[in-house]
Each structure stands twice: as C-alpha cells, then as structure tokens.
C-alpha cells in the first residue's frame, strides 16, 4: 500500500510536516556559518569563480551585484529573479525593469553546478546570489561584509512587482526615498546603496532626457554624451555610471555628483540641494565611511524577507523549481 493511501498515514504525514515546519520556524534566522558543516568549501569555490569571471569581464561585477538587488527588492531574497518563463509561468526576467537589462544568469548556473557537484541539494540559489554579490564587490576594491546564510529558494515569482518595486532611473528624490523606505531602508542607507553606481553602465535611453533638458548637469559632460547619444543614434549604447574610475569600487561616484556629473536623473537627485547632500559630501570625502555604511546596508538588504526553515526549497537548477513538492518528500519518510 502507498504510504499516503489511507487516512491514518495521511494524518501521520501531515503531523510530520507540521513538526518539521515548527522546527524550521524555530531555527529560521540566518547565520554566517550556516554551511560550515554541510558545505565547508562553499566560499573558496565561489570566490575562485568570481575572480576568474572578473579577470575576463569586469563589467560583470555590477551585473552580479544588480541581480542580488533586483532579487531582494521583489518579494525578498528568494532567487525568484532566476526562474525562467515556461508555458504556464511568467517569471521576473521579462518584467520591464529586468528585460534586456539584467545579465549574469549563465554565470550563476556555472557556480551552482560546481556547488551541486560538491554539496548536492544543500546550498540555495538565493544564498549563492548573496555570496556572489559580496565577492564581486571585493574583487574590484570594494568592502567586504559577513554574508548571512540559510535562505531557501522560492517556487514562485512576481512578474508585476519589479515595475512597482525597483527604483527607476527617472525618479526624483522623494520617489527614491519612498521606494527604499518601502523596503525598510533609511535615507542614509538609500544613499549608501545607490553608491553601487560607482560601477556599472547605463543605456543612452535611460538618460537621454537628462542630457538634453536638465539644467543641473555639467555642460561639457552633457555635450560629450549628446555627441554619442543622439536621438537618431543607437539608444542602447552603454556609458559608465562613474566616468572617473568605472571599473573600481570607490567613492568617485559621489565626487561626480558634486560636479553635476551624475549620469542618471536619479543619480543627480542625491546632490540637488536637498537632504541627501550631506551624505554625498560625507562619502565623497571619506571612502571608509562609505564602505562601512554600504556594507551594513548590504547585510540589511540580504535580510529582506528571506524564505527559511521549511519554506520554499533548495533548487537543483536555479532556473526552474524542483519536480517534487514538500508534501511528497514528507510522505516518503
């Protein structure tokens, strides 16, 4: 007889499920040493792969950091951003803020495959995203921080949420403040996290209005951008968010804002005669303070509504949910 084919076994299965659920909830907090016993070589494996990736393409640093950010700002840090669309499922990859904007999925696949070979069914894709973001920043001179682990992967995604939850490049200061406050971040944390624009690039399409119409932009800076970003040209051409040191994680981004050389409208809003000016001035003159505040904000971001305990699953393939369900696993005990 099948173990779940009668009322009594079903009751037993449900009882076991409830017990495991309560145990999981009791130990739901994240921990920096979560995999110390179950996958002790996790950090060296990921760090080696990131060092190799960055040696081939430093642009990938910003891309991997952005993947983690776009994941956490939609339903929490649950690796929902990595799920591919299917015939019956619309994930987040094709949502407007993400489509033709995010990249690095294949690199996460490569890292996940290595981790699965060493520690099968142990490490979540959500945790891999968090570690990768930290190691990518460190690889180009940025700060390190203790990555808290123990997240589990979602079995769903939210196609509509990125359009409402991901801050847009045309936002003014009040809208940016509201977008970050919605996720529990203070004003200072918002400025620190936006400092990640010290690396990365943006398409002409995202700042065309700024270079043609806004007065709070250095005239020579605007003219040089217009020369390569005309409305009749290719609006997908990429330009660095930090034109001073585009491949290094430093505080030059804030110095550029002081000189009215913020590439995006949302960038320059951080230094536009408002309350954010004080933090820009601090970070532009003290990189140590910026690094410290950025690291703290990243730890906080990594704790946005993670799935823990028995919630979600540990995906074998980051692009799709596992074929089985928790109920089936419990009933096989």
C-alpha atoms as a PDB file:
ATOM      1  CA  UNK A   1       0.000   0.000   0.000  1.00  0.00           C
ATOM      2  CA  UNK A   2       1.245   3.521  -0.783  1.00  0.00           C
ATOM      3  CA  UNK A   3       2.479   5.323   2.374  1.00  0.00           C
ATOM      4  CA  UNK A   4      -0.121   8.076   1.837  1.00  0.00           C
ATOM      5  CA  UNK A   5      -3.014   5.994   0.508  1.00  0.00           C
ATOM      6  CA  UNK A   6      -5.020   5.760   3.734  1.00  0.00           C
ATOM      7  CA  UNK A   7      -6.323   8.294   6.235  1.00  0.00           C
ATOM      8  CA  UNK A   8      -4.003   7.193   9.006  1.00  0.00           C
ATOM      9  CA  UNK A   9      -0.755   7.555   7.003  1.00  0.00           C
ATOM     10  CA  UNK A  10      -2.013  10.883   5.641  1.00  0.00           C
ATOM     11  CA  UNK A  11      -2.611  12.091   9.199  1.00  0.00           C
ATOM     12  CA  UNK A  12       0.869  10.890  10.122  1.00  0.00           C
ATOM     13  CA  UNK A  13       2.391  12.669   7.108  1.00  0.00           C
ATOM     14  CA  UNK A  14       0.628  15.896   7.945  1.00  0.00           C
ATOM     15  CA  UNK A  15       1.740  15.595  11.551  1.00  0.00           C
ATOM     16  CA  UNK A  16       5.348  15.127  10.487  1.00  0.00           C
ATOM     17  CA  UNK A  17       5.027  18.056   8.116  1.00  0.00           C
ATOM     18  CA  UNK A  18       3.703  20.275  10.924  1.00  0.00           C
ATOM     19  CA  UNK A  19       6.513  19.182  13.228  1.00  0.00           C
ATOM     20  CA  UNK A  20       9.163  19.931  10.609  1.00  0.00           C
ATOM     21  CA  UNK A  21       7.515  23.255   9.870  1.00  0.00           C
ATOM     22  CA  UNK A  22       7.617  24.302  13.524  1.00  0.00           C
ATOM     23  CA  UNK A  23      11.232  23.156  13.855  1.00  0.00           C
ATOM     24  CA  UNK A  24      12.097  25.120  10.751  1.00  0.00           C
ATOM     25  CA  UNK A  25      10.409  28.233  12.127  1.00  0.00           C
ATOM     26  CA  UNK A  26      12.312  27.869  15.403  1.00  0.00           C
ATOM     27  CA  UNK A  27      15.619  27.968  13.519  1.00  0.00           C
ATOM     28  CA  UNK A  28      14.617  30.395  10.781  1.00  0.00           C
ATOM     29  CA  UNK A  29      17.231  33.060  11.440  1.00  0.00           C
ATOM     30  CA  UNK A  30      20.121  33.468   9.027  1.00  0.00           C
ATOM     31  CA  UNK A  31      23.676  32.676  10.095  1.00  0.00           C
ATOM     32  CA  UNK A  32      27.108  33.435   8.656  1.00  0.00           C
ATOM     33  CA  UNK A  33      28.251  29.855   9.389  1.00  0.00           C
ATOM     34  CA  UNK A  34      25.132  28.117   8.106  1.00  0.00           C
ATOM     35  CA  UNK A  35      27.121  25.873   5.722  1.00  0.00           C
ATOM     36  CA  UNK A  36      30.227  25.399   7.863  1.00  0.00           C
ATOM     37  CA  UNK A  37      29.486  21.691   8.281  1.00  0.00           C
ATOM     38  CA  UNK A  38      27.271  20.881   5.301  1.00  0.00           C
ATOM     39  CA  UNK A  39      29.402  22.621   2.644  1.00  0.00           C
ATOM     40  CA  UNK A  40      32.668  23.871   4.188  1.00  0.00           C
ATOM     41  CA  UNK A  41      34.354  24.652   0.845  1.00  0.00           C
ATOM     42  CA  UNK A  42      31.498  26.843  -0.398  1.00  0.00           C
ATOM     43  CA  UNK A  43      33.214  30.218   0.000  1.00  0.00           C
ATOM     44  CA  UNK A  44      36.518  29.266  -1.681  1.00  0.00           C
ATOM     45  CA  UNK A  45      34.678  27.750  -4.646  1.00  0.00           C
ATOM     46  CA  UNK A  46      32.589  30.856  -5.256  1.00  0.00           C
ATOM     47  CA  UNK A  47      35.465  33.264  -4.663  1.00  0.00           C
ATOM     48  CA  UNK A  48      37.696  31.443  -7.164  1.00  0.00           C
ATOM     49  CA  UNK A  49      34.972  31.517  -9.810  1.00  0.00           C
ATOM     50  CA  UNK A  50      34.274  35.221  -9.238  1.00  0.00           C
ATOM     51  CA  UNK A  51      37.968  36.065  -9.514  1.00  0.00           C
ATOM     52  CA  UNK A  52      38.107  34.203 -12.807  1.00  0.00           C
ATOM     53  CA  UNK A  53      34.935  35.844 -14.146  1.00  0.00           C
ATOM     54  CA  UNK A  54      36.083  39.342 -13.218  1.00  0.00           C
ATOM     55  CA  UNK A  55      39.507  38.776 -14.766  1.00  0.00           C
ATOM     56  CA  UNK A  56      37.693  38.183 -18.070  1.00  0.00           C
ATOM     57  CA  UNK A  57      34.981  40.840 -17.767  1.00  0.00           C
ATOM     58  CA  UNK A  58      34.965  43.474 -15.016  1.00  0.00           C
ATOM     59  CA  UNK A  59      31.567  44.694 -16.171  1.00  0.00           C
ATOM     60  CA  UNK A  60      30.156  41.526 -14.690  1.00  0.00           C
ATOM     61  CA  UNK A  61      30.744  42.875 -11.162  1.00  0.00           C
ATOM     62  CA  UNK A  62      27.912  45.383 -11.478  1.00  0.00           C
ATOM     63  CA  UNK A  63      25.712  42.822 -13.201  1.00  0.00           C
ATOM     64  CA  UNK A  64      26.046  40.268 -10.404  1.00  0.00           C
ATOM     65  CA  UNK A  65      25.501  42.898  -7.718  1.00  0.00           C
ATOM     66  CA  UNK A  66      22.416  44.101  -9.579  1.00  0.00           C
ATOM     67  CA  UNK A  67      20.995  40.578  -9.788  1.00  0.00           C
ATOM     68  CA  UNK A  68      21.043  40.338  -5.995  1.00  0.00           C
ATOM     69  CA  UNK A  69      19.481  43.805  -5.645  1.00  0.00           C
ATOM     70  CA  UNK A  70      16.669  43.115  -8.129  1.00  0.00           C
ATOM     71  CA  UNK A  71      16.001  39.775  -6.465  1.00  0.00           C
ATOM     72  CA  UNK A  72      15.764  41.129  -2.917  1.00  0.00           C
ATOM     73  CA  UNK A  73      13.590  44.128  -3.803  1.00  0.00           C
ATOM     74  CA  UNK A  74      10.873  41.834  -5.214  1.00  0.00           C
ATOM     75  CA  UNK A  75       9.290  39.512  -2.630  1.00  0.00           C
ATOM     76  CA  UNK A  76      12.557  39.298  -0.694  1.00  0.00           C
ATOM     77  CA  UNK A  77      15.867  37.492  -1.295  1.00  0.00           C
ATOM     78  CA  UNK A  78      14.482  34.229  -2.646  1.00  0.00           C
ATOM     79  CA  UNK A  79      16.166  33.770  -6.066  1.00  0.00           C
ATOM     80  CA  UNK A  80      12.843  34.367  -7.824  1.00  0.00           C
ATOM     81  CA  UNK A  81      14.743  36.544 -10.331  1.00  0.00           C
ATOM     82  CA  UNK A  82      16.494  33.427 -11.650  1.00  0.00           C
ATOM     83  CA  UNK A  83      13.373  31.480 -12.671  1.00  0.00           C
ATOM     84  CA  UNK A  84      12.835  31.125 -16.422  1.00  0.00           C
ATOM     85  CA  UNK A  85       9.448  31.597 -18.031  1.00  0.00           C
ATOM     86  CA  UNK A  86       7.537  28.478 -19.012  1.00  0.00           C
ATOM     87  CA  UNK A  87       4.334  27.890 -20.993  1.00  0.00           C
ATOM     88  CA  UNK A  88       2.314  28.335 -17.804  1.00  0.00           C
ATOM     89  CA  UNK A  89       4.559  30.655 -15.789  1.00  0.00           C
ATOM     90  CA  UNK A  90       5.732  34.246 -16.203  1.00  0.00           C
ATOM     91  CA  UNK A  91       8.786  34.983 -14.109  1.00  0.00           C
ATOM     92  CA  UNK A  92      10.554  38.254 -13.358  1.00  0.00           C
ATOM     93  CA  UNK A  93      13.250  38.111 -16.045  1.00  0.00           C
ATOM     94  CA  UNK A  94      10.972  39.567 -18.706  1.00  0.00           C
ATOM     95  CA  UNK A  95       9.441  42.275 -16.475  1.00  0.00           C
ATOM     96  CA  UNK A  96      10.170  45.799 -17.816  1.00  0.00           C
ATOM     97  CA  UNK A  97      12.916  46.780 -15.310  1.00  0.00           C
ATOM     98  CA  UNK A  98      14.739  43.473 -15.936  1.00  0.00           C
ATOM     99  CA  UNK A  99      14.235  42.574 -19.605  1.00  0.00           C
ATOM    100  CA  UNK A 100      17.334  43.314 -21.710  1.00  0.00           C
ATOM    101  CA  UNK A 101      18.824  44.875 -18.589  1.00  0.00           C
ATOM    102  CA  UNK A 102      19.968  42.116 -16.239  1.00  0.00           C
ATOM    103  CA  UNK A 103      22.646  39.604 -17.133  1.00  0.00           C
ATOM    104  CA  UNK A 104      24.859  37.029 -15.444  1.00  0.00           C
ATOM    105  CA  UNK A 105      22.307  34.215 -15.250  1.00  0.00           C
ATOM    106  CA  UNK A 106      24.648  31.806 -17.022  1.00  0.00           C
ATOM    107  CA  UNK A 107      27.416  32.551 -14.540  1.00  0.00           C
ATOM    108  CA  UNK A 108      25.124  31.765 -11.637  1.00  0.00           C
ATOM    109  CA  UNK A 109      24.342  28.483 -13.427  1.00  0.00           C
ATOM    110  CA  UNK A 110      28.068  27.703 -13.635  1.00  0.00           C
ATOM    111  CA  UNK A 111      28.622  28.405  -9.958  1.00  0.00           C
ATOM    112  CA  UNK A 112      25.533  26.449  -8.946  1.00  0.00           C
ATOM    113  CA  UNK A 113      26.741  23.431 -10.943  1.00  0.00           C
ATOM    114  CA  UNK A 114      30.081  23.488  -9.131  1.00  0.00           C
ATOM    115  CA  UNK A 115      28.391  23.799  -5.757  1.00  0.00           C
ATOM    116  CA  UNK A 116      25.925  20.995  -6.552  1.00  0.00           C
ATOM    117  CA  UNK A 117      28.810  18.732  -7.538  1.00  0.00           C
ATOM    118  CA  UNK A 118      30.449  19.318  -4.169  1.00  0.00           C
ATOM    119  CA  UNK A 119      27.372  19.658  -1.932  1.00  0.00           C
ATOM    120  CA  UNK A 120      24.273  18.331  -3.739  1.00  0.00           C
ATOM    121  CA  UNK A 121      20.934  19.709  -2.581  1.00  0.00           C
ATOM    122  CA  UNK A 122      22.442  21.813   0.190  1.00  0.00           C
ATOM    123  CA  UNK A 123      23.082  25.407  -0.930  1.00  0.00           C
ATOM    124  CA  UNK A 124      20.239  27.601  -2.163  1.00  0.00           C
ATOM    125  CA  UNK A 125      20.402  29.783  -5.252  1.00  0.00           C
ATOM    126  CA  UNK A 126      19.365  32.734  -3.076  1.00  0.00           C
ATOM    127  CA  UNK A 127      22.430  32.251  -0.879  1.00  0.00           C
ATOM    128  CA  UNK A 128      24.664  31.930  -3.931  1.00  0.00           C
ATOM    129  CA  UNK A 129      23.376  35.290  -5.190  1.00  0.00           C
ATOM    130  CA  UNK A 130      24.177  36.899  -1.846  1.00  0.00           C
ATOM    131  CA  UNK A 131      27.718  35.497  -1.693  1.00  0.00           C
ATOM    132  CA  UNK A 132      28.408  36.337  -5.333  1.00  0.00           C
ATOM    133  CA  UNK A 133      27.355  39.967  -4.816  1.00  0.00           C
ATOM    134  CA  UNK A 134      29.789  40.354  -1.906  1.00  0.00           C
ATOM    135  CA  UNK A 135      32.701  38.649  -3.658  1.00  0.00           C
ATOM    136  CA  UNK A 136      32.143  40.631  -6.851  1.00  0.00           C
ATOM    137  CA  UNK A 137      32.358  43.934  -4.967  1.00  0.00           C
ATOM    138  CA  UNK A 138      35.511  42.830  -3.145  1.00  0.00           C
ATOM    139  CA  UNK A 139      37.143  41.772  -6.420  1.00  0.00           C
ATOM    140  CA  UNK A 140      37.259  45.391  -7.648  1.00  0.00           C
ATOM    141  CA  UNK A 141      38.408  47.009  -4.433  1.00  0.00           C
ATOM    142  CA  UNK A 142      35.123  47.356  -2.585  1.00  0.00           C
ATOM    143  CA  UNK A 143      34.297  46.498   1.035  1.00  0.00           C
ATOM    144  CA  UNK A 144      33.605  43.043   2.390  1.00  0.00           C
ATOM    145  CA  UNK A 145      30.874  42.051   4.811  1.00  0.00           C
ATOM    146  CA  UNK A 146      29.681  38.952   6.610  1.00  0.00           C
ATOM    147  CA  UNK A 147      27.060  37.289   4.406  1.00  0.00           C
ATOM    148  CA  UNK A 148      24.316  35.760   6.496  1.00  0.00           C
ATOM    149  CA  UNK A 149      23.060  32.492   5.030  1.00  0.00           C
ATOM    150  CA  UNK A 150      20.245  29.990   5.300  1.00  0.00           C
ATOM    151  CA  UNK A 151      17.854  31.349   2.678  1.00  0.00           C
ATOM    152  CA  UNK A 152      15.722  28.975   0.668  1.00  0.00           C
ATOM    153  CA  UNK A 153      14.517  29.364  -2.906  1.00  0.00           C
ATOM    154  CA  UNK A 154      11.034  30.411  -3.945  1.00  0.00           C
ATOM    155  CA  UNK A 155       8.767  28.237  -6.050  1.00  0.00           C
ATOM    156  CA  UNK A 156       7.028  31.290  -7.491  1.00  0.00           C
ATOM    157  CA  UNK A 157       7.885  34.685  -8.968  1.00  0.00           C
ATOM    158  CA  UNK A 158       6.112  38.013  -9.409  1.00  0.00           C
ATOM    159  CA  UNK A 159       6.041  39.459 -12.928  1.00  0.00           C
ATOM    160  CA  UNK A 160       4.307  42.721 -11.973  1.00  0.00           C
ATOM    161  CA  UNK A 161       6.244  43.622  -8.804  1.00  0.00           C
ATOM    162  CA  UNK A 162       9.521  44.731 -10.472  1.00  0.00           C
ATOM    163  CA  UNK A 163       7.678  47.571 -12.202  1.00  0.00           C
ATOM    164  CA  UNK A 164       6.491  48.928  -8.868  1.00  0.00           C
ATOM    165  CA  UNK A 165       9.310  47.917  -6.505  1.00  0.00           C
ATOM    166  CA  UNK A 166      12.540  48.518  -8.458  1.00  0.00           C
ATOM    167  CA  UNK A 167      13.644  52.198  -8.302  1.00  0.00           C
ATOM    168  CA  UNK A 168      13.602  53.770 -11.772  1.00  0.00           C
ATOM    169  CA  UNK A 169      16.335  55.982 -13.326  1.00  0.00           C
ATOM    170  CA  UNK A 170      13.920  58.895 -13.778  1.00  0.00           C
ATOM    171  CA  UNK A 171      12.789  59.063 -10.133  1.00  0.00           C
ATOM    172  CA  UNK A 172      13.127  62.264  -8.141  1.00  0.00           C
ATOM    173  CA  UNK A 173      14.415  62.331  -4.577  1.00  0.00           C
ATOM    174  CA  UNK A 174      11.023  61.904  -2.904  1.00  0.00           C
ATOM    175  CA  UNK A 175      10.161  58.893  -5.076  1.00  0.00           C
ATOM    176  CA  UNK A 176      13.551  57.294  -4.413  1.00  0.00           C
ATOM    177  CA  UNK A 177      13.125  57.848  -0.690  1.00  0.00           C
ATOM    178  CA  UNK A 178       9.683  56.234  -0.791  1.00  0.00           C
ATOM    179  CA  UNK A 179      10.915  53.253  -2.841  1.00  0.00           C
ATOM    180  CA  UNK A 180      13.678  52.462  -0.354  1.00  0.00           C
ATOM    181  CA  UNK A 181      11.549  53.252   2.698  1.00  0.00           C
ATOM    182  CA  UNK A 182       9.008  50.725   1.421  1.00  0.00           C
ATOM    183  CA  UNK A 183      11.711  48.096   1.927  1.00  0.00           C
ATOM    184  CA  UNK A 184      12.668  49.433   5.348  1.00  0.00           C
ATOM    185  CA  UNK A 185      15.755  51.460   4.436  1.00  0.00           C
ATOM    186  CA  UNK A 186      16.672  54.788   5.991  1.00  0.00           C
ATOM    187  CA  UNK A 187      17.624  57.850   3.976  1.00  0.00           C
ATOM    188  CA  UNK A 188      21.318  57.270   4.670  1.00  0.00           C
ATOM    189  CA  UNK A 189      21.078  53.612   3.644  1.00  0.00           C
ATOM    190  CA  UNK A 190      19.438  54.637   0.375  1.00  0.00           C
ATOM    191  CA  UNK A 191      22.328  56.962  -0.473  1.00  0.00           C
ATOM    192  CA  UNK A 192      24.906  54.347   0.520  1.00  0.00           C
ATOM    193  CA  UNK A 193      23.292  51.609  -1.575  1.00  0.00           C
ATOM    194  CA  UNK A 194      22.967  53.921  -4.569  1.00  0.00           C
ATOM    195  CA  UNK A 195      26.726  54.360  -4.266  1.00  0.00           C
ATOM    196  CA  UNK A 196      26.936  50.989  -6.015  1.00  0.00           C
ATOM    197  CA  UNK A 197      26.651  53.124  -9.163  1.00  0.00           C
ATOM    198  CA  UNK A 198      30.363  53.673  -8.768  1.00  0.00           C
ATOM    199  CA  UNK A 199      30.470  50.617 -11.061  1.00  0.00           C
ATOM    200  CA  UNK A 200      28.182  49.601 -13.888  1.00  0.00           C
ATOM    201  CA  UNK A 201      26.786  51.151 -17.041  1.00  0.00           C
ATOM    202  CA  UNK A 202      23.518  52.549 -18.369  1.00  0.00           C
ATOM    203  CA  UNK A 203      21.989  52.791 -21.824  1.00  0.00           C
ATOM    204  CA  UNK A 204      21.516  56.117 -23.597  1.00  0.00           C
ATOM    205  CA  UNK A 205      17.792  55.524 -23.432  1.00  0.00           C
ATOM    206  CA  UNK A 206      17.830  55.885 -19.637  1.00  0.00           C
ATOM    207  CA  UNK A 207      19.478  59.320 -19.537  1.00  0.00           C
ATOM    208  CA  UNK A 208      18.597  60.922 -22.868  1.00  0.00           C
ATOM    209  CA  UNK A 209      16.089  63.315 -21.302  1.00  0.00           C
ATOM    210  CA  UNK A 210      18.619  64.390 -18.686  1.00  0.00           C
ATOM    211  CA  UNK A 211      21.424  65.311 -21.111  1.00  0.00           C
ATOM    212  CA  UNK A 212      19.047  67.202 -23.399  1.00  0.00           C
ATOM    213  CA  UNK A 213      16.753  69.005 -20.967  1.00  0.00           C
ATOM    214  CA  UNK A 214      18.040  69.203 -17.411  1.00  0.00           C
ATOM    215  CA  UNK A 215      19.915  72.283 -16.166  1.00  0.00           C
ATOM    216  CA  UNK A 216      21.758  70.645 -13.243  1.00  0.00           C
ATOM    217  CA  UNK A 217      24.335  68.888 -15.400  1.00  0.00           C
ATOM    218  CA  UNK A 218      27.886  69.912 -16.292  1.00  0.00           C
ATOM    219  CA  UNK A 219      27.697  71.406 -19.794  1.00  0.00           C
ATOM    220  CA  UNK A 220      30.814  69.706 -21.161  1.00  0.00           C
ATOM    221  CA  UNK A 221      29.744  66.389 -19.669  1.00  0.00           C
ATOM    222  CA  UNK A 222      26.308  66.711 -21.292  1.00  0.00           C
ATOM    223  CA  UNK A 223      27.778  67.729 -24.655  1.00  0.00           C
ATOM    224  CA  UNK A 224      30.110  64.712 -24.742  1.00  0.00           C
ATOM    225  CA  UNK A 225      27.195  62.397 -24.032  1.00  0.00           C
ATOM    226  CA  UNK A 226      24.953  64.031 -26.627  1.00  0.00           C
ATOM    227  CA  UNK A 227      27.660  63.557 -29.255  1.00  0.00           C
ATOM    228  CA  UNK A 228      27.378  59.798 -28.838  1.00  0.00           C
ATOM    229  CA  UNK A 229      23.780  59.533 -27.692  1.00  0.00           C
ATOM    230  CA  UNK A 230      21.756  61.475 -30.272  1.00  0.00           C
ATOM    231  CA  UNK A 231      18.073  60.700 -30.677  1.00  0.00           C
ATOM    232  CA  UNK A 232      18.854  59.451 -34.189  1.00  0.00           C
ATOM    233  CA  UNK A 233      21.552  57.110 -32.956  1.00  0.00           C
ATOM    234  CA  UNK A 234      21.638  53.824 -31.093  1.00  0.00           C
ATOM    235  CA  UNK A 235      19.949  54.407 -27.747  1.00  0.00           C
ATOM    236  CA  UNK A 236      21.298  51.086 -26.463  1.00  0.00           C
ATOM    237  CA  UNK A 237      24.891  52.364 -26.355  1.00  0.00           C
ATOM    238  CA  UNK A 238      26.310  51.925 -22.845  1.00  0.00           C
ATOM    239  CA  UNK A 239      28.083  54.575 -20.776  1.00  0.00           C
ATOM    240  CA  UNK A 240      29.657  54.175 -17.324  1.00  0.00           C
ATOM    241  CA  UNK A 241      27.700  55.467 -14.357  1.00  0.00           C
ATOM    242  CA  UNK A 242      31.031  56.651 -12.948  1.00  0.00           C
ATOM    243  CA  UNK A 243      33.157  58.152 -15.708  1.00  0.00           C
ATOM    244  CA  UNK A 244      36.148  58.723 -13.404  1.00  0.00           C
ATOM    245  CA  UNK A 245      37.006  55.178 -12.290  1.00  0.00           C
ATOM    246  CA  UNK A 246      34.340  52.992 -13.952  1.00  0.00           C
ATOM    247  CA  UNK A 247      35.962  49.661 -13.118  1.00  0.00           C
ATOM    248  CA  UNK A 248      36.800  50.311  -9.459  1.00  0.00           C
ATOM    249  CA  UNK A 249      34.515  50.280  -6.451  1.00  0.00           C
ATOM    250  CA  UNK A 250      35.368  53.580  -4.755  1.00  0.00           C
ATOM    251  CA  UNK A 251      33.773  56.897  -3.784  1.00  0.00           C
ATOM    252  CA  UNK A 252      34.334  58.711  -7.105  1.00  0.00           C
ATOM    253  CA  UNK A 253      30.611  58.416  -7.855  1.00  0.00           C
ATOM    254  CA  UNK A 254      29.841  60.889  -5.083  1.00  0.00           C
ATOM    255  CA  UNK A 255      32.547  63.284  -6.225  1.00  0.00           C
ATOM    256  CA  UNK A 256      30.992  63.226  -9.684  1.00  0.00           C
ATOM    257  CA  UNK A 257      27.626  64.201  -8.213  1.00  0.00           C
ATOM    258  CA  UNK A 258      29.243  67.237  -6.585  1.00  0.00           C
ATOM    259  CA  UNK A 259      30.453  68.269 -10.045  1.00  0.00           C
ATOM    260  CA  UNK A 260      26.974  67.721 -11.538  1.00  0.00           C
ATOM    261  CA  UNK A 261      28.180  64.707 -13.480  1.00  0.00           C
ATOM    262  CA  UNK A 262      25.595  62.218 -12.349  1.00  0.00           C
ATOM    263  CA  UNK A 263      24.629  60.150 -15.376  1.00  0.00           C
ATOM    264  CA  UNK A 264      21.037  59.338 -14.442  1.00  0.00           C
ATOM    265  CA  UNK A 265      18.383  61.767 -13.277  1.00  0.00           C
ATOM    266  CA  UNK A 266      18.018  59.665 -10.114  1.00  0.00           C
ATOM    267  CA  UNK A 267      21.784  59.893  -9.522  1.00  0.00           C
ATOM    268  CA  UNK A 268      21.939  63.677  -9.541  1.00  0.00           C
ATOM    269  CA  UNK A 269      18.875  63.856  -7.300  1.00  0.00           C
ATOM    270  CA  UNK A 270      21.150  62.741  -4.460  1.00  0.00           C
ATOM    271  CA  UNK A 271      23.000  66.052  -4.789  1.00  0.00           C
ATOM    272  CA  UNK A 272      20.421  68.636  -5.722  1.00  0.00           C
ATOM    273  CA  UNK A 273      20.169  70.959  -2.741  1.00  0.00           C
ATOM    274  CA  UNK A 274      18.212  68.500  -0.639  1.00  0.00           C
ATOM    275  CA  UNK A 275      18.723  66.427   2.484  1.00  0.00           C
ATOM    276  CA  UNK A 276      20.830  63.847   0.646  1.00  0.00           C
ATOM    277  CA  UNK A 277      23.608  66.386   0.005  1.00  0.00           C
ATOM    278  CA  UNK A 278      25.063  65.871   3.476  1.00  0.00           C
ATOM    279  CA  UNK A 279      25.622  62.162   2.885  1.00  0.00           C
ATOM    280  CA  UNK A 280      27.097  62.746  -0.567  1.00  0.00           C
ATOM    281  CA  UNK A 281      29.537  65.239   0.944  1.00  0.00           C
ATOM    282  CA  UNK A 282      30.492  62.766   3.671  1.00  0.00           C
ATOM    283  CA  UNK A 283      31.003  59.832   1.310  1.00  0.00           C
ATOM    284  CA  UNK A 284      32.918  61.902  -1.258  1.00  0.00           C
ATOM    285  CA  UNK A 285      35.461  62.933   1.366  1.00  0.00           C
ATOM    286  CA  UNK A 286      35.606  59.703   3.377  1.00  0.00           C
ATOM    287  CA  UNK A 287      35.626  56.419   1.483  1.00  0.00           C
ATOM    288  CA  UNK A 288      35.988  54.469   4.729  1.00  0.00           C
ATOM    289  CA  UNK A 289      32.631  55.752   5.949  1.00  0.00           C
ATOM    290  CA  UNK A 290      31.029  54.980   2.599  1.00  0.00           C
ATOM    291  CA  UNK A 291      32.417  51.435   2.590  1.00  0.00           C
ATOM    292  CA  UNK A 292      31.227  50.828   6.143  1.00  0.00           C
ATOM    293  CA  UNK A 293      27.728  52.173   5.515  1.00  0.00           C
ATOM    294  CA  UNK A 294      27.437  50.332   2.206  1.00  0.00           C
ATOM    295  CA  UNK A 295      28.454  47.023   3.781  1.00  0.00           C
ATOM    296  CA  UNK A 296      25.934  47.448   6.604  1.00  0.00           C
ATOM    297  CA  UNK A 297      23.172  48.295   4.146  1.00  0.00           C
ATOM    298  CA  UNK A 298      24.019  45.231   2.056  1.00  0.00           C
ATOM    299  CA  UNK A 299      23.679  42.974   5.103  1.00  0.00           C
ATOM    300  CA  UNK A 300      20.300  44.555   5.771  1.00  0.00           C
ATOM    301  CA  UNK A 301      19.234  44.094   2.150  1.00  0.00           C
ATOM    302  CA  UNK A 302      20.209  40.430   2.281  1.00  0.00           C
ATOM    303  CA  UNK A 303      17.766  40.020   5.153  1.00  0.00           C
ATOM    304  CA  UNK A 304      14.742  41.252   3.215  1.00  0.00           C
ATOM    305  CA  UNK A 305      12.027  38.629   3.764  1.00  0.00           C
ATOM    306  CA  UNK A 306      14.123  35.507   3.153  1.00  0.00           C
ATOM    307  CA  UNK A 307      12.482  32.103   2.982  1.00  0.00           C
ATOM    308  CA  UNK A 308      13.874  29.938   5.777  1.00  0.00           C
ATOM    309  CA  UNK A 309      13.136  26.779   7.718  1.00  0.00           C
ATOM    310  CA  UNK A 310      10.813  24.596   5.620  1.00  0.00           C
ATOM    311  CA  UNK A 311       9.548  27.386   3.367  1.00  0.00           C
ATOM    312  CA  UNK A 312      10.438  27.192  -0.322  1.00  0.00           C
ATOM    313  CA  UNK A 313      13.033  24.664  -1.445  1.00  0.00           C
ATOM    314  CA  UNK A 314      16.680  24.220  -2.401  1.00  0.00           C
ATOM    315  CA  UNK A 315      16.564  24.316  -6.193  1.00  0.00           C
ATOM    316  CA  UNK A 316      18.802  21.892  -8.040  1.00  0.00           C
ATOM    317  CA  UNK A 317      18.659  24.124 -11.101  1.00  0.00           C
ATOM    318  CA  UNK A 318      18.358  27.845 -10.348  1.00  0.00           C
ATOM    319  CA  UNK A 319      16.268  28.400 -13.491  1.00  0.00           C
ATOM    320  CA  UNK A 320      13.365  26.155 -12.515  1.00  0.00           C
ATOM    321  CA  UNK A 321      11.618  24.761  -9.491  1.00  0.00           C
ATOM    322  CA  UNK A 322      12.266  21.181  -8.481  1.00  0.00           C
ATOM    323  CA  UNK A 323       9.972  18.484  -9.851  1.00  0.00           C
ATOM    324  CA  UNK A 324       8.883  17.305  -6.419  1.00  0.00           C
ATOM    325  CA  UNK A 325       6.998  19.032  -3.618  1.00  0.00           C
ATOM    326  CA  UNK A 326       7.491  19.154   0.154  1.00  0.00           C
ATOM    327  CA  UNK A 327       4.385  17.007   0.696  1.00  0.00           C
ATOM    328  CA  UNK A 328       5.819  14.204  -1.429  1.00  0.00           C
ATOM    329  CA  UNK A 329       9.104  14.335   0.459  1.00  0.00           C
ATOM    330  CA  UNK A 330       7.380  14.190   3.846  1.00  0.00           C
ATOM    331  CA  UNK A 331       5.169  11.302   2.834  1.00  0.00           C
ATOM    332  CA  UNK A 332       8.172   9.234   1.775  1.00  0.00           C
ATOM    333  CA  UNK A 333       9.568   9.248   5.310  1.00  0.00           C
END
